[in-house]
Amino acid sequence: DLRRQLRKAVVDHVSDSFLESGIPLIILVEAAKAGKEKEVDEYSLVFTEHANKLVEVANLACSMSANEDGVKMVRYAAQQIQNLCPQVINAARILASRPRSKVAQENMEVFKSAWETQVRILTDAVDDIVTVDDFLAVSENYILEDVNKCCLALQEGDSETLD
């Protein structure tokens, strides 16, 4: 039972981390397009933390899986994310320093696209090693939590919480 609880915790962590994985990239690219070098430096830290979190959670999922081929794929995809992260940041810094440069814009698009593709590959690989039972158990917990919050909000007449 403890092992099942651990697996549920890992799946919960996976679903949280991969849910909106594109936002840090979008923020970084927008700052770069606007030529805001200081913001690019700040968002680079957030982007790096996000990349590290994806890798950490992917490795955590590997530790709970018996699917050897799937684990190899996840570890490879996670390594690609680690390798690509500084390249995306460099492309953003270049674009921020020369926002009107067509070459810098194209370079940013290439790395943005490569990042999105690699995150999709990592997400698919992690999905392959997470069991459906564990995912459904975590989803069920979230649904029950939401239902309980709605019931409580209705009892208290709190319409703001119902959103």
N, C-alpha and C. Protein backbone atom coordinates (compact mmCIF):
# COMPACT_ATOMS: atom_id res chain seq x y z
N ASP A 1 0.82 -1.20 0.00
CA ASP A 1 0.00 0.00 0.00
C ASP A 1 0.87 1.27 0.00
N LEU A 2 1.99 1.20 0.72
CA LEU A 2 2.90 2.35 0.74
C LEU A 2 3.47 2.61 -0.66
N ARG A 3 3.81 1.53 -1.36
CA ARG A 3 4.33 1.69 -2.73
C ARG A 3 3.28 2.33 -3.63
N ARG A 4 2.02 1.95 -3.47
CA ARG A 4 0.96 2.54 -4.28
C ARG A 4 0.80 4.03 -3.96
N GLN A 5 0.90 4.38 -2.69
CA GLN A 5 0.82 5.80 -2.30
C GLN A 5 1.99 6.59 -2.89
N LEU A 6 3.16 5.97 -2.92
CA LEU A 6 4.33 6.63 -3.53
C LEU A 6 4.11 6.84 -5.01
N ARG A 7 3.59 5.82 -5.69
CA ARG A 7 3.32 5.95 -7.12
C ARG A 7 2.31 7.05 -7.39
N LYS A 8 1.27 7.12 -6.55
CA LYS A 8 0.27 8.17 -6.71
C LYS A 8 0.90 9.55 -6.52
N ALA A 9 1.80 9.66 -5.54
CA ALA A 9 2.47 10.95 -5.29
C ALA A 9 3.33 11.33 -6.50
N VAL A 10 4.02 10.36 -7.08
CA VAL A 10 4.86 10.63 -8.26
C VAL A 10 3.98 11.07 -9.44
N VAL A 11 2.88 10.37 -9.66
CA VAL A 11 1.99 10.73 -10.76
C VAL A 11 1.40 12.12 -10.55
N ASP A 12 1.08 12.43 -9.31
CA ASP A 12 0.57 13.77 -8.97
C ASP A 12 1.62 14.82 -9.33
N HIS A 13 2.86 14.55 -8.98
CA HIS A 13 3.97 15.46 -9.28
C HIS A 13 4.14 15.61 -10.79
N VAL A 14 4.05 14.50 -11.50
CA VAL A 14 4.17 14.51 -12.97
C VAL A 14 3.07 15.37 -13.59
N SER A 15 1.83 15.15 -13.16
CA SER A 15 0.73 15.90 -13.77
C SER A 15 0.84 17.39 -13.48
N ASP A 16 1.30 17.76 -12.30
CA ASP A 16 1.48 19.18 -11.97
C ASP A 16 2.58 19.81 -12.83
N SER A 17 3.68 19.10 -12.99
CA SER A 17 4.84 19.67 -13.68
C SER A 17 4.65 19.78 -15.19
N PHE A 18 3.93 18.84 -15.77
CA PHE A 18 3.78 18.81 -17.22
C PHE A 18 2.50 19.50 -17.71
N LEU A 19 1.68 19.98 -16.76
CA LEU A 19 0.39 20.54 -17.13
C LEU A 19 0.49 21.75 -18.05
N GLU A 20 1.24 22.75 -17.65
CA GLU A 20 1.38 23.95 -18.47
C GLU A 20 2.86 24.20 -18.75
N SER A 21 3.47 23.23 -19.40
CA SER A 21 4.91 23.27 -19.59
C SER A 21 5.39 24.30 -20.61
N GLY A 22 4.49 24.90 -21.36
CA GLY A 22 4.90 25.87 -22.38
C GLY A 22 5.01 27.30 -21.91
N ILE A 23 4.45 27.62 -20.76
CA ILE A 23 4.38 29.01 -20.31
C ILE A 23 5.75 29.65 -20.08
N PRO A 24 6.69 29.00 -19.39
CA PRO A 24 8.00 29.65 -19.21
C PRO A 24 8.69 29.99 -20.54
N LEU A 25 8.53 29.14 -21.53
CA LEU A 25 9.12 29.40 -22.85
C LEU A 25 8.44 30.61 -23.50
N ILE A 26 7.13 30.66 -23.45
CA ILE A 26 6.39 31.77 -24.07
C ILE A 26 6.82 33.11 -23.45
N ILE A 27 6.91 33.15 -22.14
CA ILE A 27 7.30 34.38 -21.45
C ILE A 27 8.72 34.80 -21.84
N LEU A 28 9.62 33.83 -21.91
CA LEU A 28 11.01 34.11 -22.29
C LEU A 28 11.09 34.65 -23.72
N VAL A 29 10.40 34.02 -24.63
CA VAL A 29 10.43 34.43 -26.04
C VAL A 29 9.80 35.81 -26.23
N GLU A 30 8.71 36.08 -25.56
CA GLU A 30 8.06 37.39 -25.68
C GLU A 30 8.97 38.52 -25.18
N ALA A 31 9.65 38.28 -24.06
CA ALA A 31 10.59 39.29 -23.55
C ALA A 31 11.73 39.51 -24.55
N ALA A 32 12.20 38.43 -25.15
CA ALA A 32 13.29 38.53 -26.13
C ALA A 32 12.84 39.30 -27.37
N LYS A 33 11.64 39.01 -27.85
CA LYS A 33 11.11 39.71 -29.03
C LYS A 33 10.96 41.20 -28.78
N ALA A 34 10.66 41.55 -27.54
CA ALA A 34 10.48 42.97 -27.17
C ALA A 34 11.82 43.65 -26.90
N GLY A 35 12.91 42.91 -26.96
CA GLY A 35 14.23 43.50 -26.73
C GLY A 35 14.50 43.83 -25.26
N LYS A 36 13.82 43.17 -24.36
CA LYS A 36 13.97 43.43 -22.92
C LYS A 36 15.03 42.50 -22.33
N GLU A 37 16.28 42.93 -22.44
CA GLU A 37 17.39 42.08 -22.03
C GLU A 37 17.37 41.73 -20.55
N LYS A 38 17.02 42.69 -19.71
CA LYS A 38 16.99 42.43 -18.27
C LYS A 38 15.92 41.39 -17.93
N GLU A 39 14.75 41.52 -18.56
CA GLU A 39 13.69 40.54 -18.33
C GLU A 39 14.08 39.16 -18.85
N VAL A 40 14.78 39.12 -19.97
CA VAL A 40 15.24 37.84 -20.50
C VAL A 40 16.17 37.17 -19.49
N ASP A 41 17.05 37.94 -18.87
CA ASP A 41 17.93 37.38 -17.85
C ASP A 41 17.12 36.82 -16.68
N GLU A 42 16.10 37.56 -16.25
CA GLU A 42 15.25 37.10 -15.14
C GLU A 42 14.46 35.85 -15.54
N TYR A 43 13.85 35.88 -16.71
CA TYR A 43 13.03 34.75 -17.16
C TYR A 43 13.88 33.53 -17.51
N SER A 44 15.15 33.77 -17.81
CA SER A 44 16.06 32.65 -18.07
C SER A 44 16.20 31.77 -16.84
N LEU A 45 16.21 32.41 -15.67
CA LEU A 45 16.30 31.65 -14.42
C LEU A 45 15.04 30.81 -14.21
N VAL A 46 13.89 31.42 -14.48
CA VAL A 46 12.61 30.71 -14.34
C VAL A 46 12.56 29.55 -15.34
N PHE A 47 12.99 29.82 -16.56
CA PHE A 47 12.99 28.80 -17.61
C PHE A 47 13.91 27.64 -17.22
N THR A 48 15.09 27.96 -16.68
CA THR A 48 16.04 26.92 -16.25
C THR A 48 15.46 26.09 -15.11
N GLU A 49 14.83 26.77 -14.15
CA GLU A 49 14.19 26.04 -13.04
C GLU A 49 13.10 25.11 -13.56
N HIS A 50 12.34 25.60 -14.53
CA HIS A 50 11.28 24.78 -15.12
C HIS A 50 11.86 23.56 -15.82
N ALA A 51 12.92 23.76 -16.59
CA ALA A 51 13.57 22.65 -17.29
C ALA A 51 14.10 21.63 -16.27
N ASN A 52 14.73 22.13 -15.22
CA ASN A 52 15.26 21.23 -14.18
C ASN A 52 14.14 20.45 -13.51
N LYS A 53 13.00 21.10 -13.31
CA LYS A 53 11.85 20.45 -12.68
C LYS A 53 11.31 19.34 -13.58
N LEU A 54 11.22 19.61 -14.88
CA LEU A 54 10.76 18.57 -15.82
C LEU A 54 11.67 17.36 -15.77
N VAL A 55 12.97 17.60 -15.77
CA VAL A 55 13.96 16.52 -15.73
C VAL A 55 13.86 15.75 -14.41
N GLU A 56 13.76 16.49 -13.32
CA GLU A 56 13.67 15.87 -12.00
C GLU A 56 12.43 14.97 -11.88
N VAL A 57 11.30 15.49 -12.32
CA VAL A 57 10.06 14.73 -12.24
C VAL A 57 10.10 13.52 -13.18
N ALA A 58 10.68 13.69 -14.35
CA ALA A 58 10.81 12.57 -15.28
C ALA A 58 11.68 11.47 -14.67
N ASN A 59 12.77 11.85 -14.04
CA ASN A 59 13.63 10.86 -13.39
C ASN A 59 12.94 10.19 -12.21
N LEU A 60 12.12 10.94 -11.51
CA LEU A 60 11.33 10.39 -10.42
C LEU A 60 10.36 9.33 -10.95
N ALA A 61 9.71 9.63 -12.06
CA ALA A 61 8.80 8.67 -12.69
C ALA A 61 9.56 7.41 -13.10
N CYS A 62 10.79 7.58 -13.57
CA CYS A 62 11.61 6.43 -13.94
C CYS A 62 11.88 5.52 -12.75
N SER A 63 12.08 6.13 -11.60
CA SER A 63 12.40 5.35 -10.41
C SER A 63 11.23 4.48 -9.95
N MET A 64 10.03 4.79 -10.42
CA MET A 64 8.85 4.04 -10.01
C MET A 64 8.35 3.10 -11.11
N SER A 65 9.07 3.01 -12.21
CA SER A 65 8.59 2.22 -13.34
C SER A 65 9.43 0.96 -13.55
N ALA A 66 8.75 -0.11 -13.98
CA ALA A 66 9.44 -1.36 -14.30
C ALA A 66 9.63 -1.50 -15.81
N ASN A 67 9.17 -0.52 -16.58
CA ASN A 67 9.25 -0.54 -18.03
C ASN A 67 10.65 -0.07 -18.46
N GLU A 68 11.57 -1.01 -18.67
CA GLU A 68 12.96 -0.67 -18.95
C GLU A 68 13.14 0.16 -20.21
N ASP A 69 12.47 -0.24 -21.29
CA ASP A 69 12.59 0.52 -22.55
C ASP A 69 12.01 1.92 -22.39
N GLY A 70 10.89 2.01 -21.69
CA GLY A 70 10.27 3.31 -21.46
C GLY A 70 11.16 4.21 -20.62
N VAL A 71 11.80 3.63 -19.62
CA VAL A 71 12.71 4.39 -18.75
C VAL A 71 13.90 4.92 -19.56
N LYS A 72 14.43 4.09 -20.45
CA LYS A 72 15.55 4.54 -21.30
C LYS A 72 15.13 5.73 -22.16
N MET A 73 13.92 5.66 -22.70
CA MET A 73 13.42 6.75 -23.54
C MET A 73 13.25 8.03 -22.73
N VAL A 74 12.70 7.90 -21.53
CA VAL A 74 12.49 9.07 -20.67
C VAL A 74 13.84 9.69 -20.31
N ARG A 75 14.79 8.88 -19.94
CA ARG A 75 16.11 9.40 -19.55
C ARG A 75 16.80 10.09 -20.73
N TYR A 76 16.67 9.52 -21.92
CA TYR A 76 17.25 10.13 -23.11
C TYR A 76 16.57 11.47 -23.41
N ALA A 77 15.25 11.50 -23.36
CA ALA A 77 14.50 12.74 -23.63
C ALA A 77 14.82 13.80 -22.58
N ALA A 78 14.97 13.39 -21.33
CA ALA A 78 15.32 14.33 -20.25
C ALA A 78 16.72 14.91 -20.49
N GLN A 79 17.64 14.08 -20.94
CA GLN A 79 18.99 14.57 -21.25
C GLN A 79 18.95 15.59 -22.40
N GLN A 80 18.10 15.34 -23.37
CA GLN A 80 17.96 16.29 -24.49
C GLN A 80 17.42 17.63 -23.99
N ILE A 81 16.49 17.59 -23.04
CA ILE A 81 15.95 18.82 -22.45
C ILE A 81 17.07 19.59 -21.75
N GLN A 82 17.89 18.88 -21.00
CA GLN A 82 19.01 19.52 -20.30
C GLN A 82 19.99 20.14 -21.29
N ASN A 83 20.24 19.47 -22.38
CA ASN A 83 21.17 19.98 -23.39
C ASN A 83 20.61 21.19 -24.12
N LEU A 84 19.31 21.19 -24.36
CA LEU A 84 18.67 22.24 -25.15
C LEU A 84 18.42 23.52 -24.36
N CYS A 85 18.23 23.40 -23.06
CA CYS A 85 17.88 24.56 -22.22
C CYS A 85 18.84 25.75 -22.39
N PRO A 86 20.16 25.57 -22.24
CA PRO A 86 21.04 26.73 -22.40
C PRO A 86 21.05 27.29 -23.83
N GLN A 87 20.78 26.45 -24.81
CA GLN A 87 20.74 26.92 -26.19
C GLN A 87 19.52 27.80 -26.44
N VAL A 88 18.39 27.43 -25.83
CA VAL A 88 17.18 28.26 -25.94
C VAL A 88 17.43 29.62 -25.29
N ILE A 89 18.06 29.59 -24.12
CA ILE A 89 18.36 30.84 -23.40
C ILE A 89 19.30 31.72 -24.21
N ASN A 90 20.32 31.14 -24.80
CA ASN A 90 21.25 31.92 -25.63
C ASN A 90 20.54 32.53 -26.83
N ALA A 91 19.64 31.77 -27.45
CA ALA A 91 18.88 32.30 -28.58
C ALA A 91 18.02 33.48 -28.13
N ALA A 92 17.43 33.38 -26.93
CA ALA A 92 16.61 34.49 -26.40
C ALA A 92 17.48 35.71 -26.11
N ARG A 93 18.66 35.50 -25.57
CA ARG A 93 19.56 36.63 -25.28
C ARG A 93 20.00 37.32 -26.57
N ILE A 94 20.29 36.54 -27.58
CA ILE A 94 20.69 37.11 -28.87
C ILE A 94 19.54 37.93 -29.45
N LEU A 95 18.34 37.36 -29.41
CA LEU A 95 17.18 38.08 -29.95
C LEU A 95 16.91 39.34 -29.15
N ALA A 96 17.04 39.29 -27.83
CA ALA A 96 16.80 40.47 -27.00
C ALA A 96 17.80 41.58 -27.33
N SER A 97 19.03 41.20 -27.66
CA SER A 97 20.04 42.22 -27.98
C SER A 97 19.86 42.77 -29.39
N ARG A 98 19.21 42.01 -30.27
CA ARG A 98 18.96 42.43 -31.64
C ARG A 98 17.54 42.03 -32.07
N PRO A 99 16.53 42.65 -31.48
CA PRO A 99 15.14 42.22 -31.74
C PRO A 99 14.66 42.42 -33.18
N ARG A 100 15.32 43.28 -33.93
CA ARG A 100 14.90 43.51 -35.32
C ARG A 100 15.63 42.61 -36.32
N SER A 101 16.60 41.88 -35.84
CA SER A 101 17.38 41.02 -36.71
C SER A 101 16.56 39.81 -37.16
N LYS A 102 16.42 39.67 -38.46
CA LYS A 102 15.68 38.55 -39.03
C LYS A 102 16.36 37.22 -38.67
N VAL A 103 17.68 37.21 -38.70
CA VAL A 103 18.45 36.00 -38.38
C VAL A 103 18.22 35.60 -36.91
N ALA A 104 18.24 36.59 -36.01
CA ALA A 104 18.01 36.31 -34.59
C ALA A 104 16.58 35.81 -34.36
N GLN A 105 15.62 36.38 -35.10
CA GLN A 105 14.23 35.94 -34.97
C GLN A 105 14.06 34.50 -35.44
N GLU A 106 14.69 34.20 -36.57
CA GLU A 106 14.61 32.83 -37.11
C GLU A 106 15.31 31.84 -36.19
N ASN A 107 16.45 32.25 -35.64
CA ASN A 107 17.19 31.41 -34.71
C ASN A 107 16.33 31.08 -33.48
N MET A 108 15.65 32.10 -32.96
CA MET A 108 14.78 31.90 -31.79
C MET A 108 13.66 30.94 -32.13
N GLU A 109 13.08 31.09 -33.31
CA GLU A 109 11.98 30.21 -33.73
C GLU A 109 12.45 28.75 -33.83
N VAL A 110 13.66 28.55 -34.36
CA VAL A 110 14.20 27.20 -34.49
C VAL A 110 14.36 26.56 -33.11
N PHE A 111 14.93 27.30 -32.16
CA PHE A 111 15.13 26.74 -30.83
C PHE A 111 13.83 26.60 -30.06
N LYS A 112 12.90 27.52 -30.28
CA LYS A 112 11.58 27.42 -29.65
C LYS A 112 10.88 26.16 -30.13
N SER A 113 10.91 25.94 -31.42
CA SER A 113 10.28 24.75 -32.00
C SER A 113 10.96 23.47 -31.51
N ALA A 114 12.30 23.48 -31.46
CA ALA A 114 13.04 22.31 -30.99
C ALA A 114 12.67 22.01 -29.53
N TRP A 115 12.55 23.05 -28.72
CA TRP A 115 12.19 22.88 -27.31
C TRP A 115 10.78 22.27 -27.19
N GLU A 116 9.84 22.84 -27.94
CA GLU A 116 8.46 22.34 -27.87
C GLU A 116 8.39 20.87 -28.31
N THR A 117 9.12 20.54 -29.34
CA THR A 117 9.16 19.15 -29.81
C THR A 117 9.75 18.23 -28.74
N GLN A 118 10.84 18.67 -28.13
CA GLN A 118 11.51 17.84 -27.13
C GLN A 118 10.65 17.67 -25.88
N VAL A 119 9.95 18.72 -25.48
CA VAL A 119 9.05 18.61 -24.32
C VAL A 119 7.90 17.65 -24.64
N ARG A 120 7.40 17.70 -25.87
CA ARG A 120 6.35 16.77 -26.28
C ARG A 120 6.86 15.33 -26.24
N ILE A 121 8.09 15.11 -26.71
CA ILE A 121 8.68 13.77 -26.67
C ILE A 121 8.83 13.30 -25.23
N LEU A 122 9.33 14.18 -24.36
CA LEU A 122 9.49 13.82 -22.95
C LEU A 122 8.13 13.52 -22.32
N THR A 123 7.15 14.35 -22.61
CA THR A 123 5.81 14.14 -22.05
C THR A 123 5.24 12.79 -22.50
N ASP A 124 5.37 12.48 -23.78
CA ASP A 124 4.88 11.19 -24.29
C ASP A 124 5.63 10.03 -23.65
N ALA A 125 6.93 10.18 -23.48
CA ALA A 125 7.74 9.11 -22.88
C ALA A 125 7.34 8.89 -21.42
N VAL A 126 7.12 9.97 -20.69
CA VAL A 126 6.68 9.85 -19.30
C VAL A 126 5.29 9.23 -19.24
N ASP A 127 4.41 9.66 -20.14
CA ASP A 127 3.07 9.08 -20.19
C ASP A 127 3.12 7.57 -20.39
N ASP A 128 4.08 7.11 -21.18
CA ASP A 128 4.21 5.68 -21.46
C ASP A 128 4.62 4.87 -20.24
N ILE A 129 5.34 5.48 -19.30
CA ILE A 129 5.79 4.70 -18.13
C ILE A 129 4.89 4.89 -16.91
N VAL A 130 3.94 5.81 -16.99
CA VAL A 130 2.99 6.01 -15.89
C VAL A 130 1.79 5.11 -16.17
N THR A 131 1.41 4.30 -15.18
CA THR A 131 0.30 3.38 -15.39
C THR A 131 -1.03 4.13 -15.39
N VAL A 132 -1.96 3.60 -16.14
CA VAL A 132 -3.29 4.20 -16.23
C VAL A 132 -3.97 4.17 -14.86
N ASP A 133 -3.79 3.09 -14.12
CA ASP A 133 -4.40 2.98 -12.78
C ASP A 133 -3.94 4.11 -11.87
N ASP A 134 -2.63 4.37 -11.87
CA ASP A 134 -2.11 5.44 -11.02
C ASP A 134 -2.64 6.81 -11.46
N PHE A 135 -2.66 7.02 -12.77
CA PHE A 135 -3.17 8.30 -13.28
C PHE A 135 -4.64 8.49 -12.91
N LEU A 136 -5.43 7.44 -13.06
CA LEU A 136 -6.85 7.54 -12.72
C LEU A 136 -7.06 7.77 -11.22
N ALA A 137 -6.23 7.14 -10.40
CA ALA A 137 -6.35 7.34 -8.95
C ALA A 137 -6.08 8.80 -8.58
N VAL A 138 -5.06 9.38 -9.19
CA VAL A 138 -4.73 10.79 -8.91
C VAL A 138 -5.84 11.70 -9.45
N SER A 139 -6.32 11.40 -10.65
CA SER A 139 -7.41 12.19 -11.24
C SER A 139 -8.65 12.12 -10.36
N GLU A 140 -8.94 10.93 -9.86
CA GLU A 140 -10.10 10.77 -8.99
C GLU A 140 -9.95 11.63 -7.73
N ASN A 141 -8.77 11.66 -7.16
CA ASN A 141 -8.53 12.49 -5.98
C ASN A 141 -8.79 13.97 -6.27
N TYR A 142 -8.32 14.44 -7.43
CA TYR A 142 -8.55 15.84 -7.81
C TYR A 142 -10.03 16.13 -8.01
N ILE A 143 -10.73 15.21 -8.63
CA ILE A 143 -12.16 15.40 -8.87
C ILE A 143 -12.91 15.45 -7.53
N LEU A 144 -12.59 14.55 -6.64
CA LEU A 144 -13.23 14.55 -5.32
C LEU A 144 -12.93 15.84 -4.55
N GLU A 145 -11.70 16.29 -4.67
CA GLU A 145 -11.31 17.54 -4.02
C GLU A 145 -12.13 18.72 -4.56
N ASP A 146 -12.27 18.77 -5.89
CA ASP A 146 -13.06 19.84 -6.52
C ASP A 146 -14.54 19.77 -6.11
N VAL A 147 -15.09 18.56 -6.07
CA VAL A 147 -16.49 18.39 -5.68
C VAL A 147 -16.69 18.85 -4.24
N ASN A 148 -15.76 18.47 -3.36
CA ASN A 148 -15.86 18.89 -1.96
C ASN A 148 -15.79 20.41 -1.82
N LYS A 149 -14.90 21.04 -2.59
CA LYS A 149 -14.79 22.51 -2.55
C LYS A 149 -16.09 23.16 -3.03
N CYS A 150 -16.68 22.60 -4.07
CA CYS A 150 -17.94 23.15 -4.59
C CYS A 150 -19.07 23.00 -3.57
N CYS A 151 -19.15 21.84 -2.94
CA CYS A 151 -20.18 21.61 -1.93
C CYS A 151 -20.02 22.59 -0.77
N LEU A 152 -18.79 22.77 -0.33
CA LEU A 152 -18.52 23.69 0.76
C LEU A 152 -18.89 25.13 0.36
N ALA A 153 -18.54 25.51 -0.86
CA ALA A 153 -18.85 26.86 -1.35
C ALA A 153 -20.36 27.07 -1.43
N LEU A 154 -21.09 26.04 -1.86
CA LEU A 154 -22.55 26.14 -1.93
C LEU A 154 -23.16 26.27 -0.54
N GLN A 155 -22.62 25.51 0.40
CA GLN A 155 -23.13 25.58 1.78
C GLN A 155 -22.90 26.96 2.39
N GLU A 156 -21.75 27.54 2.05
CA GLU A 156 -21.40 28.85 2.61
C GLU A 156 -21.91 30.00 1.76
N GLY A 157 -22.50 29.70 0.61
CA GLY A 157 -23.01 30.74 -0.28
C GLY A 157 -21.89 31.57 -0.88
N ASP A 158 -20.73 30.96 -1.09
CA ASP A 158 -19.54 31.66 -1.59
C ASP A 158 -19.41 31.42 -3.10
N SER A 159 -19.98 32.32 -3.90
CA SER A 159 -19.97 32.15 -5.35
C SER A 159 -18.58 32.33 -5.96
N GLU A 160 -17.69 33.06 -5.29
CA GLU A 160 -16.33 33.29 -5.81
C GLU A 160 -15.54 31.97 -5.87
N THR A 161 -15.73 31.11 -4.89
CA THR A 161 -14.99 29.85 -4.82
C THR A 161 -15.44 28.87 -5.91
N LEU A 162 -16.66 29.04 -6.39
CA LEU A 162 -17.19 28.11 -7.40
C LEU A 162 -16.49 28.21 -8.75
N ASP A 163 -15.73 29.27 -8.98
CA ASP A 163 -15.01 29.38 -10.26
C ASP A 163 -13.95 28.35 -10.27
